[in-house]
Amino acid sequence: MNYPTLFFCLLISLAAFSQTVTSQTDIRSARFGMSAAEVKATESQKPSAEKDGQLTYTNVSLDQEHGDLYYLFEENQLVGATYHFLSPSPSKQAYVDRYNKLKAYLTEQYGKPSTDNTNPSTKEGPVDHHSAIWRAAGKMVMVLEDNEKGKAMITVLFSKN
């Protein structure tokens, strides 16, 4: 057996695996631990707002849903992000359908949720609160749908696990 050739092949394989692991992203094209400047460099548009500990981008998409994206920093290191989808839907059921579409997209990305909560329907109408949580690859992803007093919001939260 040619040990130098075997060692060289193993070294190339490990380098390729290491590149694959380090090229994975946590939120869009960003990775946890990046500085605000590094995160800005990953985005194609300028932030709509910048303040200490937060970058805001408006009208960004997640699986064809458009909303606002907030990158969150502690000590200038990316620790999380939140999408907010506020556009009005014609009915409570339409908002639940949007939630289910985003949940299906996240399930495709991260597998079956580790937690999946749906409150039962009430006499007043369809479900008012949904949530699902995925824990994978050192991060947590959570999607929430809340429909209170006619104000519906879908939130997708990314954070370190």
N, C-alpha and C. Protein backbone atom coordinates (compact mmCIF):
# COMPACT_ATOMS: atom_id res chain seq x y z
N MET A 1 0.85 -1.17 0.00
CA MET A 1 0.00 0.00 0.00
C MET A 1 0.89 1.23 0.00
N ASN A 2 0.51 2.20 -0.77
CA ASN A 2 1.26 3.43 -0.90
C ASN A 2 0.75 4.43 0.13
N TYR A 3 1.39 4.48 1.32
CA TYR A 3 0.93 5.32 2.43
C TYR A 3 0.99 6.82 2.12
N PRO A 4 2.03 7.32 1.46
CA PRO A 4 2.01 8.76 1.15
C PRO A 4 0.82 9.15 0.27
N THR A 5 0.46 8.31 -0.70
CA THR A 5 -0.68 8.61 -1.56
C THR A 5 -1.98 8.57 -0.76
N LEU A 6 -2.12 7.56 0.09
CA LEU A 6 -3.31 7.44 0.94
C LEU A 6 -3.43 8.65 1.87
N PHE A 7 -2.30 9.04 2.49
CA PHE A 7 -2.29 10.19 3.38
C PHE A 7 -2.68 11.46 2.62
N PHE A 8 -2.14 11.62 1.41
CA PHE A 8 -2.47 12.79 0.60
C PHE A 8 -3.96 12.81 0.25
N CYS A 9 -4.54 11.68 -0.10
CA CYS A 9 -5.97 11.60 -0.42
C CYS A 9 -6.82 11.94 0.80
N LEU A 10 -6.41 11.44 1.97
CA LEU A 10 -7.14 11.76 3.19
C LEU A 10 -7.06 13.25 3.50
N LEU A 11 -5.89 13.82 3.31
CA LEU A 11 -5.69 15.24 3.56
C LEU A 11 -6.58 16.08 2.64
N ILE A 12 -6.65 15.73 1.38
CA ILE A 12 -7.50 16.45 0.41
C ILE A 12 -8.97 16.29 0.80
N SER A 13 -9.38 15.09 1.20
CA SER A 13 -10.77 14.85 1.62
C SER A 13 -11.13 15.68 2.83
N LEU A 14 -10.23 15.73 3.82
CA LEU A 14 -10.48 16.53 5.01
C LEU A 14 -10.56 18.01 4.68
N ALA A 15 -9.72 18.47 3.80
CA ALA A 15 -9.75 19.88 3.40
C ALA A 15 -11.07 20.21 2.70
N ALA A 16 -11.52 19.32 1.84
CA ALA A 16 -12.79 19.53 1.15
C ALA A 16 -13.94 19.52 2.14
N PHE A 17 -13.93 18.59 3.11
CA PHE A 17 -14.97 18.53 4.13
C PHE A 17 -14.95 19.80 4.98
N SER A 18 -13.76 20.23 5.37
CA SER A 18 -13.64 21.44 6.18
C SER A 18 -14.18 22.65 5.43
N GLN A 19 -13.91 22.75 4.14
CA GLN A 19 -14.41 23.87 3.34
C GLN A 19 -15.92 23.82 3.26
N THR A 20 -16.50 22.61 3.13
CA THR A 20 -17.95 22.46 3.08
C THR A 20 -18.57 22.91 4.38
N VAL A 21 -18.00 22.50 5.51
CA VAL A 21 -18.54 22.86 6.81
C VAL A 21 -18.45 24.36 7.04
N THR A 22 -17.31 24.97 6.71
CA THR A 22 -17.15 26.39 6.98
C THR A 22 -17.90 27.25 5.98
N SER A 23 -18.30 26.71 4.83
CA SER A 23 -19.02 27.52 3.87
C SER A 23 -20.52 27.55 4.16
N GLN A 24 -20.98 26.76 5.10
CA GLN A 24 -22.40 26.80 5.46
C GLN A 24 -22.71 28.13 6.12
N THR A 25 -23.92 28.59 5.90
CA THR A 25 -24.33 29.86 6.50
C THR A 25 -25.44 29.61 7.52
N ASP A 26 -25.61 30.58 8.40
CA ASP A 26 -26.63 30.46 9.44
C ASP A 26 -27.88 31.26 9.11
N ILE A 27 -27.70 32.46 8.55
CA ILE A 27 -28.82 33.35 8.24
C ILE A 27 -28.51 33.99 6.90
N ARG A 28 -29.28 33.67 5.89
CA ARG A 28 -29.02 34.16 4.55
C ARG A 28 -27.58 33.80 4.19
N SER A 29 -26.70 34.78 3.94
CA SER A 29 -25.29 34.49 3.63
C SER A 29 -24.37 34.74 4.81
N ALA A 30 -24.93 35.01 5.97
CA ALA A 30 -24.13 35.36 7.16
C ALA A 30 -23.99 34.16 8.09
N ARG A 31 -22.93 34.25 8.92
CA ARG A 31 -22.67 33.22 9.93
C ARG A 31 -22.66 33.87 11.30
N PHE A 32 -23.09 33.11 12.31
CA PHE A 32 -23.00 33.59 13.68
C PHE A 32 -21.56 33.97 13.98
N GLY A 33 -21.38 35.07 14.71
CA GLY A 33 -20.05 35.53 15.08
C GLY A 33 -19.49 36.59 14.15
N MET A 34 -20.11 36.79 12.98
CA MET A 34 -19.64 37.84 12.07
C MET A 34 -19.87 39.21 12.69
N SER A 35 -19.04 40.17 12.30
CA SER A 35 -19.24 41.56 12.73
C SER A 35 -20.34 42.19 11.88
N ALA A 36 -20.81 43.35 12.31
CA ALA A 36 -21.83 44.07 11.54
C ALA A 36 -21.32 44.41 10.14
N ALA A 37 -20.06 44.81 10.05
CA ALA A 37 -19.48 45.13 8.74
C ALA A 37 -19.44 43.90 7.83
N GLU A 38 -19.10 42.75 8.39
CA GLU A 38 -19.07 41.52 7.59
C GLU A 38 -20.47 41.13 7.12
N VAL A 39 -21.46 41.28 8.00
CA VAL A 39 -22.84 40.96 7.61
C VAL A 39 -23.31 41.90 6.51
N LYS A 40 -23.02 43.20 6.64
CA LYS A 40 -23.40 44.17 5.60
C LYS A 40 -22.79 43.78 4.26
N ALA A 41 -21.58 43.26 4.27
CA ALA A 41 -20.92 42.86 3.03
C ALA A 41 -21.61 41.66 2.37
N THR A 42 -22.38 40.88 3.14
CA THR A 42 -23.08 39.73 2.56
C THR A 42 -24.40 40.11 1.92
N GLU A 43 -24.90 41.30 2.21
CA GLU A 43 -26.20 41.73 1.71
C GLU A 43 -26.03 42.55 0.43
N SER A 44 -26.98 42.44 -0.49
CA SER A 44 -26.90 43.16 -1.76
C SER A 44 -27.43 44.60 -1.63
N GLN A 45 -28.21 44.88 -0.62
CA GLN A 45 -28.72 46.24 -0.42
C GLN A 45 -28.17 46.82 0.86
N LYS A 46 -28.23 48.14 0.96
CA LYS A 46 -27.79 48.81 2.18
C LYS A 46 -28.86 48.66 3.25
N PRO A 47 -28.46 48.63 4.52
CA PRO A 47 -29.48 48.54 5.57
C PRO A 47 -30.35 49.79 5.58
N SER A 48 -31.62 49.61 5.90
CA SER A 48 -32.53 50.75 5.99
C SER A 48 -32.34 51.48 7.32
N ALA A 49 -31.78 50.79 8.30
CA ALA A 49 -31.48 51.42 9.60
C ALA A 49 -30.31 50.68 10.24
N GLU A 50 -29.50 51.46 10.94
CA GLU A 50 -28.37 50.92 11.69
C GLU A 50 -28.37 51.56 13.06
N LYS A 51 -28.34 50.76 14.09
CA LYS A 51 -28.12 51.29 15.43
C LYS A 51 -27.32 50.27 16.19
N ASP A 52 -26.80 50.68 17.30
CA ASP A 52 -25.94 49.81 18.08
C ASP A 52 -26.63 48.47 18.34
N GLY A 53 -26.02 47.41 17.87
CA GLY A 53 -26.55 46.08 18.11
C GLY A 53 -27.59 45.60 17.13
N GLN A 54 -27.87 46.37 16.07
CA GLN A 54 -28.91 45.94 15.14
C GLN A 54 -28.72 46.54 13.74
N LEU A 55 -28.92 45.72 12.73
CA LEU A 55 -29.02 46.16 11.34
C LEU A 55 -30.41 45.80 10.85
N THR A 56 -31.08 46.72 10.18
CA THR A 56 -32.43 46.47 9.68
C THR A 56 -32.44 46.55 8.16
N TYR A 57 -33.06 45.56 7.53
CA TYR A 57 -33.26 45.53 6.09
C TYR A 57 -34.75 45.40 5.83
N THR A 58 -35.29 46.25 4.96
CA THR A 58 -36.71 46.19 4.65
C THR A 58 -36.94 45.50 3.31
N ASN A 59 -38.11 44.93 3.18
CA ASN A 59 -38.54 44.27 1.95
C ASN A 59 -37.56 43.19 1.47
N VAL A 60 -37.15 42.32 2.39
CA VAL A 60 -36.32 41.17 2.04
C VAL A 60 -37.22 39.94 2.01
N SER A 61 -36.78 38.90 1.33
CA SER A 61 -37.65 37.74 1.17
C SER A 61 -37.10 36.50 1.88
N LEU A 62 -38.02 35.68 2.28
CA LEU A 62 -37.75 34.34 2.78
C LEU A 62 -38.81 33.47 2.14
N ASP A 63 -38.41 32.63 1.22
CA ASP A 63 -39.32 31.76 0.49
C ASP A 63 -40.52 32.54 -0.06
N GLN A 64 -40.27 33.57 -0.81
CA GLN A 64 -41.26 34.37 -1.51
C GLN A 64 -42.15 35.21 -0.60
N GLU A 65 -41.92 35.22 0.70
CA GLU A 65 -42.60 36.12 1.61
C GLU A 65 -41.69 37.33 1.81
N HIS A 66 -42.25 38.51 1.78
CA HIS A 66 -41.46 39.73 1.94
C HIS A 66 -41.76 40.39 3.28
N GLY A 67 -40.69 40.82 3.94
CA GLY A 67 -40.86 41.48 5.23
C GLY A 67 -39.58 42.19 5.63
N ASP A 68 -39.48 42.49 6.90
CA ASP A 68 -38.30 43.17 7.44
C ASP A 68 -37.40 42.17 8.14
N LEU A 69 -36.09 42.38 8.00
CA LEU A 69 -35.09 41.51 8.61
C LEU A 69 -34.25 42.34 9.57
N TYR A 70 -34.13 41.84 10.79
CA TYR A 70 -33.34 42.50 11.82
C TYR A 70 -32.20 41.58 12.22
N TYR A 71 -30.96 41.97 11.94
CA TYR A 71 -29.78 41.24 12.42
C TYR A 71 -29.47 41.77 13.82
N LEU A 72 -29.19 40.88 14.76
CA LEU A 72 -28.95 41.26 16.14
C LEU A 72 -27.51 40.92 16.54
N PHE A 73 -26.82 41.88 17.18
CA PHE A 73 -25.41 41.73 17.53
C PHE A 73 -25.21 41.95 19.03
N GLU A 74 -24.28 41.21 19.59
CA GLU A 74 -23.78 41.45 20.94
C GLU A 74 -22.28 41.53 20.83
N GLU A 75 -21.70 42.60 21.36
CA GLU A 75 -20.26 42.85 21.28
C GLU A 75 -19.77 42.74 19.84
N ASN A 76 -20.57 43.32 18.92
CA ASN A 76 -20.30 43.35 17.48
C ASN A 76 -20.14 41.95 16.87
N GLN A 77 -20.84 40.97 17.42
CA GLN A 77 -20.87 39.63 16.83
C GLN A 77 -22.31 39.22 16.60
N LEU A 78 -22.60 38.70 15.40
CA LEU A 78 -23.94 38.27 15.06
C LEU A 78 -24.38 37.14 15.97
N VAL A 79 -25.51 37.35 16.67
CA VAL A 79 -26.04 36.33 17.58
C VAL A 79 -27.43 35.86 17.17
N GLY A 80 -28.06 36.57 16.23
CA GLY A 80 -29.40 36.16 15.82
C GLY A 80 -29.96 37.08 14.77
N ALA A 81 -31.14 36.71 14.30
CA ALA A 81 -31.85 37.54 13.33
C ALA A 81 -33.34 37.22 13.43
N THR A 82 -34.12 38.21 13.07
CA THR A 82 -35.57 38.04 13.10
C THR A 82 -36.18 38.61 11.83
N TYR A 83 -37.03 37.82 11.19
CA TYR A 83 -37.86 38.30 10.09
C TYR A 83 -39.23 38.63 10.65
N HIS A 84 -39.82 39.75 10.20
CA HIS A 84 -41.19 40.09 10.55
C HIS A 84 -41.98 40.26 9.25
N PHE A 85 -43.08 39.54 9.16
CA PHE A 85 -43.96 39.62 7.99
C PHE A 85 -45.27 40.22 8.46
N LEU A 86 -45.51 41.49 8.08
CA LEU A 86 -46.65 42.22 8.60
C LEU A 86 -47.73 42.53 7.57
N SER A 87 -47.49 42.23 6.32
CA SER A 87 -48.46 42.62 5.30
C SER A 87 -49.82 41.99 5.59
N PRO A 88 -50.86 42.76 5.41
CA PRO A 88 -52.19 42.26 5.77
C PRO A 88 -52.64 41.13 4.85
N SER A 89 -53.31 40.19 5.43
CA SER A 89 -53.93 39.11 4.66
C SER A 89 -55.44 39.35 4.72
N PRO A 90 -56.16 38.93 3.70
CA PRO A 90 -57.59 39.21 3.65
C PRO A 90 -58.40 38.53 4.76
N SER A 91 -57.87 37.48 5.35
CA SER A 91 -58.62 36.77 6.40
C SER A 91 -57.65 36.10 7.36
N LYS A 92 -58.18 35.68 8.50
CA LYS A 92 -57.35 34.94 9.45
C LYS A 92 -56.81 33.67 8.80
N GLN A 93 -57.65 32.99 8.03
CA GLN A 93 -57.22 31.74 7.39
C GLN A 93 -56.10 32.00 6.39
N ALA A 94 -56.14 33.11 5.69
CA ALA A 94 -55.07 33.44 4.74
C ALA A 94 -53.74 33.59 5.47
N TYR A 95 -53.78 34.18 6.67
CA TYR A 95 -52.56 34.33 7.44
C TYR A 95 -52.06 32.97 7.94
N VAL A 96 -52.97 32.11 8.35
CA VAL A 96 -52.59 30.76 8.77
C VAL A 96 -51.97 30.02 7.59
N ASP A 97 -52.53 30.21 6.40
CA ASP A 97 -51.97 29.57 5.21
C ASP A 97 -50.55 30.07 4.93
N ARG A 98 -50.30 31.37 5.12
CA ARG A 98 -48.94 31.92 4.95
C ARG A 98 -47.99 31.29 5.97
N TYR A 99 -48.45 31.16 7.21
CA TYR A 99 -47.64 30.52 8.25
C TYR A 99 -47.30 29.09 7.83
N ASN A 100 -48.29 28.34 7.38
CA ASN A 100 -48.06 26.95 6.99
C ASN A 100 -47.10 26.84 5.82
N LYS A 101 -47.14 27.80 4.91
CA LYS A 101 -46.20 27.80 3.78
C LYS A 101 -44.77 28.02 4.27
N LEU A 102 -44.57 29.00 5.16
CA LEU A 102 -43.24 29.23 5.72
C LEU A 102 -42.77 28.03 6.55
N LYS A 103 -43.68 27.43 7.30
CA LYS A 103 -43.33 26.25 8.10
C LYS A 103 -42.89 25.11 7.18
N ALA A 104 -43.58 24.91 6.07
CA ALA A 104 -43.19 23.86 5.12
C ALA A 104 -41.80 24.14 4.55
N TYR A 105 -41.52 25.40 4.22
CA TYR A 105 -40.20 25.77 3.71
C TYR A 105 -39.12 25.47 4.75
N LEU A 106 -39.35 25.88 6.01
CA LEU A 106 -38.36 25.64 7.07
C LEU A 106 -38.22 24.15 7.36
N THR A 107 -39.29 23.40 7.24
CA THR A 107 -39.22 21.94 7.44
C THR A 107 -38.37 21.32 6.34
N GLU A 108 -38.50 21.82 5.12
CA GLU A 108 -37.66 21.36 4.02
C GLU A 108 -36.18 21.64 4.30
N GLN A 109 -35.89 22.79 4.91
CA GLN A 109 -34.52 23.19 5.20
C GLN A 109 -33.93 22.44 6.40
N TYR A 110 -34.74 22.24 7.46
CA TYR A 110 -34.21 21.76 8.75
C TYR A 110 -34.80 20.44 9.23
N GLY A 111 -35.71 19.84 8.46
CA GLY A 111 -36.34 18.59 8.89
C GLY A 111 -37.55 18.87 9.77
N LYS A 112 -38.08 17.81 10.33
CA LYS A 112 -39.27 17.93 11.17
C LYS A 112 -38.99 18.79 12.40
N PRO A 113 -39.89 19.71 12.75
CA PRO A 113 -39.67 20.55 13.93
C PRO A 113 -39.58 19.71 15.21
N SER A 114 -38.73 20.15 16.13
CA SER A 114 -38.64 19.46 17.42
C SER A 114 -39.83 19.82 18.30
N THR A 115 -40.43 20.97 18.06
CA THR A 115 -41.64 21.40 18.76
C THR A 115 -42.60 21.96 17.74
N ASP A 116 -43.86 21.56 17.82
CA ASP A 116 -44.86 22.02 16.86
C ASP A 116 -46.16 22.24 17.62
N ASN A 117 -46.50 23.50 17.87
CA ASN A 117 -47.69 23.82 18.66
C ASN A 117 -48.73 24.53 17.82
N THR A 118 -49.94 24.07 17.94
CA THR A 118 -51.07 24.72 17.31
C THR A 118 -52.21 24.70 18.30
N ASN A 119 -52.72 25.89 18.61
CA ASN A 119 -53.89 25.96 19.48
C ASN A 119 -55.11 25.55 18.68
N PRO A 120 -56.05 24.86 19.29
CA PRO A 120 -57.23 24.42 18.54
C PRO A 120 -58.10 25.60 18.11
N SER A 121 -58.89 25.37 17.08
CA SER A 121 -59.83 26.40 16.63
C SER A 121 -60.84 26.69 17.72
N THR A 122 -61.36 27.89 17.69
CA THR A 122 -62.36 28.30 18.67
C THR A 122 -63.66 28.62 17.94
N LYS A 123 -64.69 28.89 18.70
CA LYS A 123 -65.97 29.27 18.10
C LYS A 123 -65.84 30.56 17.31
N GLU A 124 -64.90 31.43 17.71
CA GLU A 124 -64.72 32.71 17.04
C GLU A 124 -64.06 32.59 15.67
N GLY A 125 -63.39 31.49 15.40
CA GLY A 125 -62.74 31.35 14.10
C GLY A 125 -61.54 30.45 14.14
N PRO A 126 -60.68 30.57 13.10
CA PRO A 126 -59.52 29.69 13.00
C PRO A 126 -58.51 29.93 14.12
N VAL A 127 -57.52 29.08 14.13
CA VAL A 127 -56.47 29.12 15.13
C VAL A 127 -55.86 30.51 15.24
N ASP A 128 -55.59 30.97 16.46
CA ASP A 128 -55.03 32.30 16.68
C ASP A 128 -53.52 32.27 16.90
N HIS A 129 -52.96 31.16 17.30
CA HIS A 129 -51.52 31.10 17.60
C HIS A 129 -50.95 29.78 17.08
N HIS A 130 -49.81 29.88 16.41
CA HIS A 130 -49.06 28.70 15.95
C HIS A 130 -47.60 28.94 16.30
N SER A 131 -46.84 27.88 16.51
CA SER A 131 -45.39 28.01 16.62
C SER A 131 -44.75 26.68 16.29
N ALA A 132 -43.56 26.74 15.75
CA ALA A 132 -42.76 25.55 15.48
C ALA A 132 -41.31 25.91 15.73
N ILE A 133 -40.55 24.95 16.26
CA ILE A 133 -39.14 25.18 16.58
C ILE A 133 -38.30 24.05 15.99
N TRP A 134 -37.20 24.43 15.36
CA TRP A 134 -36.21 23.48 14.85
C TRP A 134 -34.91 23.74 15.58
N ARG A 135 -34.22 22.69 15.98
CA ARG A 135 -32.89 22.80 16.57
C ARG A 135 -31.98 21.91 15.72
N ALA A 136 -31.06 22.56 15.02
CA ALA A 136 -30.17 21.80 14.13
C ALA A 136 -28.89 22.57 13.91
N ALA A 137 -27.81 21.84 13.77
CA ALA A 137 -26.50 22.40 13.41
C ALA A 137 -26.12 23.60 14.27
N GLY A 138 -26.36 23.51 15.58
CA GLY A 138 -25.94 24.56 16.49
C GLY A 138 -26.78 25.81 16.46
N LYS A 139 -27.95 25.74 15.83
CA LYS A 139 -28.81 26.91 15.82
C LYS A 139 -30.26 26.50 16.08
N MET A 140 -31.03 27.50 16.46
CA MET A 140 -32.45 27.29 16.66
C MET A 140 -33.19 28.20 15.68
N VAL A 141 -34.20 27.65 15.05
CA VAL A 141 -35.05 28.41 14.15
C VAL A 141 -36.48 28.26 14.67
N MET A 142 -37.17 29.37 14.81
CA MET A 142 -38.52 29.34 15.33
C MET A 142 -39.41 30.19 14.44
N VAL A 143 -40.60 29.69 14.12
CA VAL A 143 -41.58 30.48 13.39
C VAL A 143 -42.82 30.59 14.26
N LEU A 144 -43.34 31.80 14.35
CA LEU A 144 -44.52 32.08 15.17
C LEU A 144 -45.56 32.79 14.33
N GLU A 145 -46.81 32.46 14.55
CA GLU A 145 -47.91 33.20 13.95
C GLU A 145 -48.80 33.63 15.08
N ASP A 146 -49.11 34.89 15.12
CA ASP A 146 -49.94 35.41 16.19
C ASP A 146 -51.00 36.32 15.57
N ASN A 147 -52.24 36.05 15.89
CA ASN A 147 -53.34 36.83 15.32
C ASN A 147 -54.24 37.27 16.45
N GLU A 148 -53.93 38.44 16.99
CA GLU A 148 -54.69 38.97 18.11
C GLU A 148 -55.36 40.27 17.72
N LYS A 149 -56.63 40.35 17.98
CA LYS A 149 -57.39 41.58 17.75
C LYS A 149 -57.20 42.11 16.33
N GLY A 150 -57.17 41.18 15.37
CA GLY A 150 -57.06 41.58 13.97
C GLY A 150 -55.68 42.00 13.52
N LYS A 151 -54.67 41.93 14.40
CA LYS A 151 -53.30 42.28 14.04
C LYS A 151 -52.48 41.00 13.93
N ALA A 152 -52.29 40.55 12.72
CA ALA A 152 -51.58 39.31 12.50
C ALA A 152 -50.11 39.58 12.18
N MET A 153 -49.22 38.75 12.71
CA MET A 153 -47.80 38.87 12.43
C MET A 153 -47.19 37.47 12.38
N ILE A 154 -46.32 37.28 11.41
CA ILE A 154 -45.53 36.05 11.36
C ILE A 154 -44.09 36.46 11.62
N THR A 155 -43.43 35.77 12.54
CA THR A 155 -42.05 36.05 12.90
C THR A 155 -41.23 34.78 12.72
N VAL A 156 -40.06 34.90 12.11
CA VAL A 156 -39.11 33.79 12.01
C VAL A 156 -37.84 34.26 12.71
N LEU A 157 -37.43 33.51 13.72
CA LEU A 157 -36.29 33.86 14.55
C LEU A 157 -35.17 32.85 14.36
N PHE A 158 -33.95 33.34 14.13
CA PHE A 158 -32.76 32.50 14.03
C PHE A 158 -31.85 32.87 15.21
N SER A 159 -31.38 31.89 15.96
CA SER A 159 -30.44 32.17 17.05
C SER A 159 -29.53 30.97 17.25
N LYS A 160 -28.44 31.20 17.98
CA LYS A 160 -27.57 30.08 18.34
C LYS A 160 -28.34 29.16 19.26
N ASN A 161 -28.13 27.89 19.11
CA ASN A 161 -28.82 26.88 19.91
C ASN A 161 -28.35 26.90 21.34
